[in-house]
Amino acid sequence: MESRIEMSQHERDVLAVMNRVLLGERTQSEAAGLLHLSERQVRRIQRRLEAEGDGAVVHRLRGRPSNRQLSGKLRERGRGKRDVTNIDRL
């Protein structure tokens, strides 16, 4: 059974370009120009694709909570302040 990988449109575009590089139909330099990346970044993506497969282009933090997320108490305390601030603006 094959698992599905959720990707954004940008990630699908990167994968399409990089698959052509892996097949030898496009150079790393051409891919770098198309993706607006440096050749070094293209080489890094290529190595990850060879090692990990298509999931290598998906952002690593997908599905995880933000590192900047506030704790529950701080979030609740902050919501009350935002409501008062918004009322003052009206």
N, C-alpha and C. Protein backbone atom coordinates (compact mmCIF):
# COMPACT_ATOMS: atom_id res chain seq x y z
N MET A 1 0.84 -1.18 0.00
CA MET A 1 0.00 0.00 0.00
C MET A 1 0.88 1.24 0.00
N GLU A 2 0.58 2.15 -0.89
CA GLU A 2 1.37 3.36 -1.02
C GLU A 2 0.71 4.49 -0.24
N SER A 3 1.49 5.24 0.52
CA SER A 3 0.92 6.33 1.29
C SER A 3 0.91 7.60 0.45
N ARG A 4 -0.05 8.45 0.72
CA ARG A 4 -0.18 9.71 -0.01
C ARG A 4 0.56 10.80 0.73
N ILE A 5 1.15 11.72 -0.03
CA ILE A 5 1.89 12.83 0.55
C ILE A 5 1.18 14.11 0.15
N GLU A 6 0.77 14.91 1.13
CA GLU A 6 0.14 16.20 0.83
C GLU A 6 1.22 17.21 0.49
N MET A 7 1.03 17.93 -0.62
CA MET A 7 2.00 18.94 -1.05
C MET A 7 1.27 20.19 -1.49
N SER A 8 1.95 21.31 -1.29
CA SER A 8 1.43 22.57 -1.82
C SER A 8 1.74 22.61 -3.32
N GLN A 9 1.15 23.56 -4.03
CA GLN A 9 1.41 23.68 -5.46
C GLN A 9 2.89 23.97 -5.71
N HIS A 10 3.48 24.80 -4.87
CA HIS A 10 4.90 25.12 -5.03
C HIS A 10 5.77 23.87 -4.88
N GLU A 11 5.44 23.04 -3.90
CA GLU A 11 6.20 21.81 -3.69
C GLU A 11 6.05 20.86 -4.87
N ARG A 12 4.85 20.81 -5.46
CA ARG A 12 4.64 19.98 -6.66
C ARG A 12 5.45 20.51 -7.84
N ASP A 13 5.54 21.83 -7.96
CA ASP A 13 6.34 22.44 -9.03
C ASP A 13 7.82 22.11 -8.86
N VAL A 14 8.32 22.20 -7.63
CA VAL A 14 9.72 21.87 -7.34
C VAL A 14 9.97 20.40 -7.69
N LEU A 15 9.05 19.53 -7.31
CA LEU A 15 9.21 18.11 -7.58
C LEU A 15 9.24 17.83 -9.08
N ALA A 16 8.38 18.50 -9.84
CA ALA A 16 8.34 18.30 -11.29
C ALA A 16 9.67 18.69 -11.93
N VAL A 17 10.21 19.83 -11.54
CA VAL A 17 11.49 20.30 -12.09
C VAL A 17 12.61 19.35 -11.66
N MET A 18 12.62 18.97 -10.40
CA MET A 18 13.71 18.14 -9.89
C MET A 18 13.66 16.71 -10.45
N ASN A 19 12.48 16.21 -10.78
CA ASN A 19 12.40 14.89 -11.41
C ASN A 19 13.09 14.91 -12.76
N ARG A 20 12.96 16.01 -13.50
CA ARG A 20 13.66 16.14 -14.79
C ARG A 20 15.17 16.17 -14.58
N VAL A 21 15.63 16.78 -13.48
CA VAL A 21 17.06 16.80 -13.17
C VAL A 21 17.53 15.38 -12.86
N LEU A 22 16.76 14.65 -12.06
CA LEU A 22 17.12 13.28 -11.70
C LEU A 22 17.18 12.36 -12.92
N LEU A 23 16.33 12.63 -13.91
CA LEU A 23 16.32 11.82 -15.13
C LEU A 23 17.41 12.24 -16.12
N GLY A 24 18.08 13.34 -15.83
CA GLY A 24 19.14 13.82 -16.71
C GLY A 24 18.63 14.65 -17.87
N GLU A 25 17.35 15.04 -17.84
CA GLU A 25 16.76 15.83 -18.92
C GLU A 25 16.98 17.33 -18.72
N ARG A 26 17.40 17.72 -17.54
CA ARG A 26 17.62 19.13 -17.22
C ARG A 26 18.85 19.22 -16.33
N THR A 27 19.63 20.30 -16.47
CA THR A 27 20.81 20.47 -15.63
C THR A 27 20.43 21.12 -14.31
N GLN A 28 21.33 20.99 -13.33
CA GLN A 28 21.11 21.64 -12.05
C GLN A 28 21.05 23.15 -12.21
N SER A 29 21.84 23.68 -13.11
CA SER A 29 21.86 25.12 -13.35
C SER A 29 20.53 25.60 -13.92
N GLU A 30 19.97 24.86 -14.86
CA GLU A 30 18.66 25.22 -15.42
C GLU A 30 17.58 25.16 -14.35
N ALA A 31 17.62 24.11 -13.53
CA ALA A 31 16.64 23.96 -12.45
C ALA A 31 16.75 25.11 -11.46
N ALA A 32 17.98 25.51 -11.15
CA ALA A 32 18.19 26.62 -10.22
C ALA A 32 17.55 27.89 -10.76
N GLY A 33 17.70 28.13 -12.05
CA GLY A 33 17.08 29.31 -12.65
C GLY A 33 15.57 29.26 -12.63
N LEU A 34 15.01 28.11 -12.94
CA LEU A 34 13.55 27.96 -12.94
C LEU A 34 12.94 28.10 -11.55
N LEU A 35 13.66 27.59 -10.55
CA LEU A 35 13.13 27.59 -9.18
C LEU A 35 13.55 28.81 -8.37
N HIS A 36 14.37 29.67 -8.99
CA HIS A 36 14.88 30.87 -8.30
C HIS A 36 15.65 30.48 -7.04
N LEU A 37 16.49 29.44 -7.19
CA LEU A 37 17.35 28.96 -6.11
C LEU A 37 18.79 28.96 -6.59
N SER A 38 19.72 28.78 -5.66
CA SER A 38 21.11 28.65 -6.07
C SER A 38 21.35 27.20 -6.51
N GLU A 39 22.43 27.00 -7.26
CA GLU A 39 22.77 25.64 -7.69
C GLU A 39 23.05 24.75 -6.48
N ARG A 40 23.63 25.33 -5.45
CA ARG A 40 23.92 24.57 -4.24
C ARG A 40 22.62 24.05 -3.60
N GLN A 41 21.58 24.91 -3.55
CA GLN A 41 20.30 24.47 -2.98
C GLN A 41 19.69 23.36 -3.83
N VAL A 42 19.85 23.46 -5.15
CA VAL A 42 19.32 22.42 -6.03
C VAL A 42 20.04 21.09 -5.77
N ARG A 43 21.35 21.14 -5.56
CA ARG A 43 22.09 19.92 -5.24
C ARG A 43 21.61 19.31 -3.93
N ARG A 44 21.32 20.15 -2.93
CA ARG A 44 20.83 19.65 -1.65
C ARG A 44 19.47 18.99 -1.81
N ILE A 45 18.58 19.61 -2.59
CA ILE A 45 17.25 19.02 -2.84
C ILE A 45 17.41 17.70 -3.58
N GLN A 46 18.32 17.66 -4.55
CA GLN A 46 18.55 16.44 -5.32
C GLN A 46 19.02 15.30 -4.41
N ARG A 47 19.95 15.58 -3.52
CA ARG A 47 20.43 14.54 -2.60
C ARG A 47 19.30 14.03 -1.70
N ARG A 48 18.47 14.96 -1.20
CA ARG A 48 17.35 14.54 -0.34
C ARG A 48 16.34 13.72 -1.12
N LEU A 49 16.06 14.09 -2.37
CA LEU A 49 15.13 13.31 -3.19
C LEU A 49 15.66 11.90 -3.43
N GLU A 50 16.95 11.78 -3.69
CA GLU A 50 17.54 10.47 -3.92
C GLU A 50 17.47 9.61 -2.65
N ALA A 51 17.63 10.23 -1.49
CA ALA A 51 17.64 9.49 -0.23
C ALA A 51 16.24 9.20 0.31
N GLU A 52 15.32 10.19 0.19
CA GLU A 52 14.02 10.09 0.86
C GLU A 52 12.83 9.94 -0.07
N GLY A 53 12.98 10.19 -1.34
CA GLY A 53 11.86 10.11 -2.27
C GLY A 53 11.11 11.43 -2.35
N ASP A 54 9.89 11.37 -2.90
CA ASP A 54 9.11 12.57 -3.18
C ASP A 54 8.81 13.41 -1.94
N GLY A 55 8.73 12.81 -0.78
CA GLY A 55 8.43 13.54 0.44
C GLY A 55 9.53 14.51 0.85
N ALA A 56 10.67 14.44 0.19
CA ALA A 56 11.80 15.30 0.55
C ALA A 56 11.53 16.77 0.28
N VAL A 57 10.60 17.08 -0.64
CA VAL A 57 10.33 18.49 -0.96
C VAL A 57 9.28 19.10 -0.05
N VAL A 58 8.61 18.28 0.76
CA VAL A 58 7.58 18.79 1.66
C VAL A 58 8.24 19.48 2.86
N HIS A 59 7.67 20.60 3.26
CA HIS A 59 8.22 21.36 4.39
C HIS A 59 8.25 20.49 5.64
N ARG A 60 9.36 20.51 6.35
CA ARG A 60 9.57 19.61 7.49
C ARG A 60 8.63 19.87 8.67
N LEU A 61 8.11 21.06 8.80
CA LEU A 61 7.26 21.37 9.95
C LEU A 61 5.77 21.16 9.67
N ARG A 62 5.43 20.63 8.49
CA ARG A 62 4.03 20.41 8.17
C ARG A 62 3.41 19.46 9.17
N GLY A 63 2.27 19.86 9.75
CA GLY A 63 1.56 19.01 10.69
C GLY A 63 2.02 19.15 12.12
N ARG A 64 3.02 19.98 12.37
CA ARG A 64 3.51 20.17 13.73
C ARG A 64 3.10 21.55 14.23
N PRO A 65 2.97 21.71 15.54
CA PRO A 65 2.64 23.04 16.07
C PRO A 65 3.83 24.00 15.88
N SER A 66 3.51 25.26 15.78
CA SER A 66 4.54 26.28 15.60
C SER A 66 5.45 26.36 16.82
N ASN A 67 6.72 26.65 16.59
CA ASN A 67 7.65 26.87 17.69
C ASN A 67 7.34 28.18 18.42
N ARG A 68 6.62 29.06 17.78
CA ARG A 68 6.29 30.36 18.36
C ARG A 68 4.91 30.37 19.01
N GLN A 69 4.28 29.22 19.09
CA GLN A 69 2.94 29.12 19.65
C GLN A 69 2.95 29.45 21.13
N LEU A 70 1.96 30.23 21.56
CA LEU A 70 1.84 30.59 22.97
C LEU A 70 1.18 29.47 23.75
N SER A 71 1.50 29.37 25.03
CA SER A 71 0.85 28.38 25.88
C SER A 71 -0.62 28.77 26.04
N GLY A 72 -1.43 27.82 26.51
CA GLY A 72 -2.87 28.04 26.64
C GLY A 72 -3.22 29.24 27.51
N LYS A 73 -2.54 29.40 28.67
CA LYS A 73 -2.85 30.51 29.58
C LYS A 73 -2.51 31.86 28.92
N LEU A 74 -1.35 31.94 28.30
CA LEU A 74 -0.96 33.20 27.67
C LEU A 74 -1.89 33.54 26.52
N ARG A 75 -2.30 32.53 25.78
CA ARG A 75 -3.19 32.76 24.64
C ARG A 75 -4.53 33.32 25.12
N GLU A 76 -5.08 32.72 26.19
CA GLU A 76 -6.36 33.19 26.73
C GLU A 76 -6.24 34.61 27.27
N ARG A 77 -5.15 34.89 27.96
CA ARG A 77 -4.93 36.23 28.51
C ARG A 77 -4.79 37.25 27.38
N GLY A 78 -4.14 36.85 26.31
CA GLY A 78 -3.93 37.75 25.18
C GLY A 78 -5.20 38.02 24.41
N ARG A 79 -6.12 37.07 24.36
CA ARG A 79 -7.38 37.26 23.62
C ARG A 79 -8.21 38.39 24.23
N GLY A 80 -8.24 38.43 25.55
CA GLY A 80 -9.00 39.49 26.22
C GLY A 80 -8.45 40.86 25.91
N LYS A 81 -7.15 40.99 25.85
CA LYS A 81 -6.53 42.28 25.55
C LYS A 81 -6.84 42.71 24.12
N ARG A 82 -6.81 41.77 23.20
CA ARG A 82 -7.10 42.11 21.81
C ARG A 82 -8.53 42.61 21.66
N ASP A 83 -9.46 41.99 22.38
CA ASP A 83 -10.86 42.40 22.27
C ASP A 83 -11.02 43.83 22.77
N VAL A 84 -10.41 44.18 23.88
CA VAL A 84 -10.50 45.54 24.42
C VAL A 84 -9.86 46.52 23.46
N THR A 85 -8.72 46.16 22.91
CA THR A 85 -8.02 47.05 21.97
C THR A 85 -8.88 47.30 20.74
N ASN A 86 -9.54 46.26 20.24
CA ASN A 86 -10.38 46.42 19.06
C ASN A 86 -11.59 47.29 19.35
N ILE A 87 -12.15 47.21 20.55
CA ILE A 87 -13.28 48.05 20.93
C ILE A 87 -12.85 49.50 20.98
N ASP A 88 -11.66 49.76 21.51
CA ASP A 88 -11.16 51.14 21.60
C ASP A 88 -11.01 51.75 20.21
N ARG A 89 -10.67 50.97 19.23
CA ARG A 89 -10.46 51.48 17.88
C ARG A 89 -11.76 51.87 17.19
N LEU A 90 -12.86 51.23 17.60
CA LEU A 90 -14.14 51.53 16.98
C LEU A 90 -14.63 52.86 17.51
